[in-house]
Amino acid sequence: MRFLPIVFLFALGACAEVTVQSSRPAPAPAIQQSSEEVPRLSQRQAVNNFEVVVRRVEPVAEQFCRTRAPQLNCDFRIVVDNRPNQGVNAFQTLDKNGRPIIGFTIPMIAEARNRDELAFVMAHEAAHHIRGHIARQQQTAAFGGLLIGTLAGALGATDPSAIETAQRIGATVGARTYSKEFELEADALGVRIADAAGFDPLKGAEFFFRIPDPGDRFLGTHPPNADRLRTVQRAAAGL
């Protein structure tokens, strides 16, 4: 399987459908942070891990998508963002035809210490699409902009530029109001996808121990890491 850099978001061949079957016989124990720092992998091992994870997670994510959201395009395309100076990041977006794209930056691939971490992140991004978060975010943003723009007019703002600014602020607030909720939803569904693909989502969620904690900031785009870990633990206990 070839991984293409993000230059144009066009189609890549779909993977074959597989049977989703969880191999976890019982709920896993809670996540505990290791006292030892896990060493970084070699470049060769990191690339190998990524290739293995794509082959196993992509078809499972597509089957979850077809089962839970048959109205969506479930033909995931996994790409590597090789632009320079990118941080540790993974993301989900849509191409111009509505095909779901999951992107990994090179630092993200290098930072993961095992296949379980890569699988959990990939499953999390796939879950954003399956849960329809882009469309829901856009609806929230549109409603927020309309509401605040209307209030600005009702309160006496007559300058069109002032009302436009108010609408822009409202759209931003609206778009971020549910972003924490979306992240937790994606974490919960990501646990099921990663598990069905044969990976340990609890081990994968240890990635949270090595990234900055956004805390619980007003209008923050991500929930506190502790909330995300609890969400993963609850989802894993329900498998």
Protein backbone atom coordinates (compact mmCIF):
# COMPACT_ATOMS: atom_id res chain seq x y z
CA MET A 1 0.00 0.00 0.00
CA ARG A 2 1.35 3.42 -0.91
CA PHE A 3 0.95 6.45 1.31
CA LEU A 4 0.73 9.73 -0.55
CA PRO A 5 1.61 13.16 0.87
CA ILE A 6 -1.19 15.68 1.21
CA VAL A 7 -0.95 17.72 -1.95
CA PHE A 8 -4.35 17.10 -3.53
CA LEU A 9 -7.07 15.16 -1.74
CA PHE A 10 -7.99 12.71 -4.49
CA ALA A 11 -8.96 9.05 -4.44
CA LEU A 12 -6.93 6.03 -3.42
CA GLY A 13 -8.16 2.46 -3.85
CA ALA A 14 -10.49 1.19 -1.13
CA CYS A 15 -9.58 -1.75 1.07
CA ALA A 16 -11.59 -4.93 1.04
CA GLU A 17 -14.32 -5.46 3.61
CA VAL A 18 -13.45 -7.61 6.61
CA THR A 19 -15.44 -9.16 9.42
CA VAL A 20 -15.34 -7.11 12.61
CA GLN A 21 -14.61 -9.34 15.56
CA SER A 22 -13.31 -8.27 18.95
CA SER A 23 -10.77 -10.56 20.53
CA ARG A 24 -10.96 -8.98 24.01
CA PRO A 25 -12.60 -11.52 26.34
CA ALA A 26 -13.04 -9.26 29.36
CA PRO A 27 -12.84 -5.58 30.35
CA ALA A 28 -9.27 -4.37 30.58
CA PRO A 29 -7.81 -2.75 33.70
CA ALA A 30 -7.55 0.98 34.06
CA ILE A 31 -4.71 2.86 32.41
CA GLN A 32 -1.72 3.42 34.66
CA GLN A 33 1.14 5.66 33.71
CA SER A 34 4.44 3.84 33.50
CA SER A 35 7.28 5.20 35.60
CA GLU A 36 9.74 4.45 32.79
CA GLU A 37 10.04 6.58 29.69
CA VAL A 38 9.30 4.53 26.59
CA PRO A 39 12.12 5.05 24.07
CA ARG A 40 11.41 6.43 20.61
CA LEU A 41 11.40 3.96 17.77
CA SER A 42 13.79 3.90 14.84
CA GLN A 43 12.56 5.51 11.65
CA ARG A 44 12.28 2.12 9.97
CA GLN A 45 10.24 0.64 12.81
CA ALA A 46 7.97 3.69 12.96
CA VAL A 47 7.20 3.43 9.25
CA ASN A 48 6.64 -0.32 9.52
CA ASN A 49 4.23 0.18 12.41
CA PHE A 50 2.30 2.79 10.45
CA GLU A 51 1.94 0.51 7.43
CA VAL A 52 0.70 -2.37 9.57
CA VAL A 53 -1.80 -0.16 11.39
CA VAL A 54 -3.21 1.25 8.16
CA ARG A 55 -3.73 -2.21 6.69
CA ARG A 56 -5.57 -3.41 9.79
CA VAL A 57 -7.52 -0.35 10.94
CA GLU A 58 -8.72 1.10 7.62
CA PRO A 59 -10.98 -1.81 6.56
CA VAL A 60 -12.41 -2.13 10.06
CA ALA A 61 -13.13 1.61 10.21
CA GLU A 62 -14.85 1.38 6.83
CA GLN A 63 -17.06 -1.46 8.01
CA PHE A 64 -17.99 0.47 11.17
CA CYS A 65 -18.82 3.42 8.95
CA ARG A 66 -21.01 1.39 6.59
CA THR A 67 -22.84 -0.13 9.54
CA ARG A 68 -23.34 3.01 11.63
CA ALA A 69 -23.53 5.72 8.97
CA PRO A 70 -24.48 4.15 5.61
CA GLN A 71 -25.44 7.56 4.24
CA LEU A 72 -21.80 8.69 4.39
CA ASN A 73 -18.90 8.04 2.04
CA CYS A 74 -17.03 5.33 3.94
CA ASP A 75 -14.09 4.95 1.55
CA PHE A 76 -11.36 6.23 3.87
CA ARG A 77 -8.09 7.44 2.42
CA ILE A 78 -5.04 7.50 4.73
CA VAL A 79 -2.38 10.04 3.83
CA VAL A 80 0.91 11.33 5.20
CA ASP A 81 1.31 15.09 5.53
CA ASN A 82 5.00 15.55 4.68
CA ARG A 83 5.00 19.34 4.62
CA PRO A 84 7.97 20.78 6.53
CA ASN A 85 7.72 22.15 10.06
CA GLN A 86 4.58 20.23 10.98
CA GLY A 87 3.93 19.31 14.59
CA VAL A 88 2.74 16.07 16.13
CA ASN A 89 -0.74 15.90 14.68
CA ALA A 90 -3.40 13.74 13.05
CA PHE A 91 -6.63 15.02 11.54
CA GLN A 92 -9.75 14.09 9.64
CA THR A 93 -11.19 16.06 6.75
CA LEU A 94 -13.07 15.59 3.47
CA ASP A 95 -11.89 16.02 -0.09
CA LYS A 96 -13.90 18.01 -2.64
CA ASN A 97 -15.97 14.91 -3.45
CA GLY A 98 -16.81 14.21 0.18
CA ARG A 99 -14.37 11.34 0.58
CA PRO A 100 -13.06 11.06 4.17
CA ILE A 101 -9.34 11.74 4.60
CA ILE A 102 -7.28 10.78 7.64
CA GLY A 103 -3.92 12.54 7.74
CA PHE A 104 -0.84 11.91 9.86
CA THR A 105 2.11 14.25 10.06
CA ILE A 106 5.56 12.67 9.99
CA PRO A 107 6.29 13.80 13.59
CA MET A 108 3.06 12.08 14.66
CA ILE A 109 4.19 8.78 13.14
CA ALA A 110 7.63 9.17 14.74
CA GLU A 111 6.22 10.07 18.16
CA ALA A 112 4.02 6.98 18.57
CA ARG A 113 5.88 4.38 20.62
CA ASN A 114 3.93 1.34 19.47
CA ARG A 115 1.25 0.17 17.03
CA ASP A 116 -1.50 0.46 19.63
CA GLU A 117 -0.98 4.21 19.91
CA LEU A 118 -1.08 4.68 16.14
CA ALA A 119 -4.17 2.48 15.90
CA PHE A 120 -6.01 4.40 18.60
CA VAL A 121 -5.25 7.75 16.97
CA MET A 122 -6.30 6.45 13.53
CA ALA A 123 -9.50 4.97 14.95
CA HIS A 124 -10.22 8.23 16.77
CA GLU A 125 -9.94 10.22 13.53
CA ALA A 126 -12.13 7.72 11.67
CA ALA A 127 -14.70 8.06 14.43
CA HIS A 128 -14.93 11.81 13.81
CA HIS A 129 -16.19 11.05 10.31
CA ILE A 130 -18.52 8.24 11.35
CA ARG A 131 -20.12 10.48 13.99
CA GLY A 132 -20.59 13.24 11.39
CA HIS A 133 -18.64 15.83 13.34
CA ILE A 134 -17.69 18.05 10.40
CA ALA A 135 -21.32 18.54 9.36
CA ARG A 136 -22.44 19.00 12.97
CA GLN A 137 -19.67 21.53 13.57
CA GLN A 138 -20.68 23.49 10.50
CA GLN A 139 -24.32 23.55 11.60
CA THR A 140 -23.34 24.75 15.05
CA ALA A 141 -21.12 27.46 13.58
CA ALA A 142 -23.86 28.67 11.23
CA PHE A 143 -26.41 28.82 14.04
CA GLY A 144 -24.00 30.65 16.35
CA GLY A 145 -23.19 33.25 13.71
CA LEU A 146 -26.86 33.84 12.90
CA LEU A 147 -27.84 34.12 16.56
CA ILE A 148 -25.15 36.63 17.56
CA GLY A 149 -25.58 38.61 14.34
CA THR A 150 -29.31 38.86 15.03
CA LEU A 151 -28.68 39.96 18.61
CA ALA A 152 -26.25 42.62 17.42
CA GLY A 153 -28.89 44.04 15.12
CA ALA A 154 -31.54 43.91 17.83
CA LEU A 155 -29.27 45.79 20.21
CA GLY A 156 -28.87 48.67 17.79
CA ALA A 157 -25.86 47.77 15.65
CA THR A 158 -26.52 49.28 12.22
CA ASP A 159 -23.04 49.21 10.70
CA PRO A 160 -22.94 46.20 8.30
CA SER A 161 -19.26 45.57 9.12
CA ALA A 162 -20.03 45.50 12.84
CA ILE A 163 -22.81 42.97 12.31
CA GLU A 164 -20.55 40.89 10.07
CA THR A 165 -17.86 40.90 12.77
CA ALA A 166 -20.43 39.80 15.34
CA GLN A 167 -21.54 36.97 13.07
CA ARG A 168 -17.94 35.86 12.58
CA ILE A 169 -17.39 35.78 16.35
CA GLY A 170 -20.64 33.92 16.81
CA ALA A 171 -19.67 31.32 14.24
CA THR A 172 -16.34 30.75 15.96
CA VAL A 173 -17.97 30.37 19.36
CA GLY A 174 -20.62 28.08 17.89
CA ALA A 175 -18.10 25.90 16.12
CA ARG A 176 -16.06 25.39 19.27
CA THR A 177 -18.92 24.95 21.71
CA TYR A 178 -19.21 21.22 21.05
CA SER A 179 -15.62 20.46 20.09
CA LYS A 180 -14.81 18.91 23.47
CA GLU A 181 -17.93 16.76 23.24
CA PHE A 182 -16.90 15.64 19.76
CA GLU A 183 -13.43 14.64 20.94
CA LEU A 184 -14.86 12.47 23.70
CA GLU A 185 -17.35 10.90 21.29
CA ALA A 186 -14.51 10.09 18.91
CA ASP A 187 -12.45 8.63 21.76
CA ALA A 188 -15.29 6.32 22.79
CA LEU A 189 -15.98 5.04 19.27
CA GLY A 190 -12.24 4.93 18.52
CA VAL A 191 -11.83 2.43 21.36
CA ARG A 192 -14.26 0.06 19.65
CA ILE A 193 -12.66 0.44 16.23
CA ALA A 194 -9.12 -0.09 17.52
CA ASP A 195 -10.21 -3.12 19.56
CA ALA A 196 -12.02 -4.66 16.59
CA ALA A 197 -8.87 -4.23 14.51
CA GLY A 198 -6.95 -6.27 17.08
CA PHE A 199 -5.20 -3.48 19.01
CA ASP A 200 -5.27 -2.53 22.68
CA PRO A 201 -6.98 0.88 22.99
CA LEU A 202 -5.97 1.21 26.65
CA LYS A 203 -2.32 0.82 25.72
CA GLY A 204 -2.92 3.15 22.78
CA ALA A 205 -4.38 5.84 25.03
CA GLU A 206 -1.10 6.03 26.94
CA PHE A 207 -0.22 8.54 24.23
CA PHE A 208 -2.13 11.08 26.34
CA PHE A 209 0.59 10.89 28.99
CA ARG A 210 3.12 12.40 26.57
CA ILE A 211 1.15 15.29 25.09
CA PRO A 212 0.42 18.66 26.71
CA ASP A 213 -2.77 18.76 28.74
CA PRO A 214 -5.09 21.46 27.37
CA GLY A 215 -6.84 21.63 30.73
CA ASP A 216 -10.40 22.87 30.84
CA ARG A 217 -9.98 26.23 29.16
CA PHE A 218 -13.00 28.26 28.08
CA LEU A 219 -13.67 27.53 24.40
CA GLY A 220 -10.74 25.13 24.32
CA THR A 221 -10.86 22.77 21.38
CA HIS A 222 -9.93 19.65 23.35
CA PRO A 223 -11.06 18.32 26.73
CA PRO A 224 -8.60 17.70 29.58
CA ASN A 225 -6.53 14.58 29.11
CA ALA A 226 -7.98 13.14 32.34
CA ASP A 227 -11.49 13.31 30.86
CA ARG A 228 -10.30 11.58 27.71
CA LEU A 229 -8.62 8.81 29.69
CA ARG A 230 -11.78 8.23 31.71
CA THR A 231 -13.79 8.05 28.48
CA VAL A 232 -11.40 5.45 27.07
CA GLN A 233 -11.57 3.42 30.26
CA ARG A 234 -15.37 3.41 30.29
CA ALA A 235 -15.56 2.44 26.62
CA ALA A 236 -13.01 -0.34 27.08
CA ALA A 237 -14.88 -1.68 30.12
CA GLY A 238 -18.01 -1.96 27.99
CA LEU A 239 -16.42 -4.10 25.28
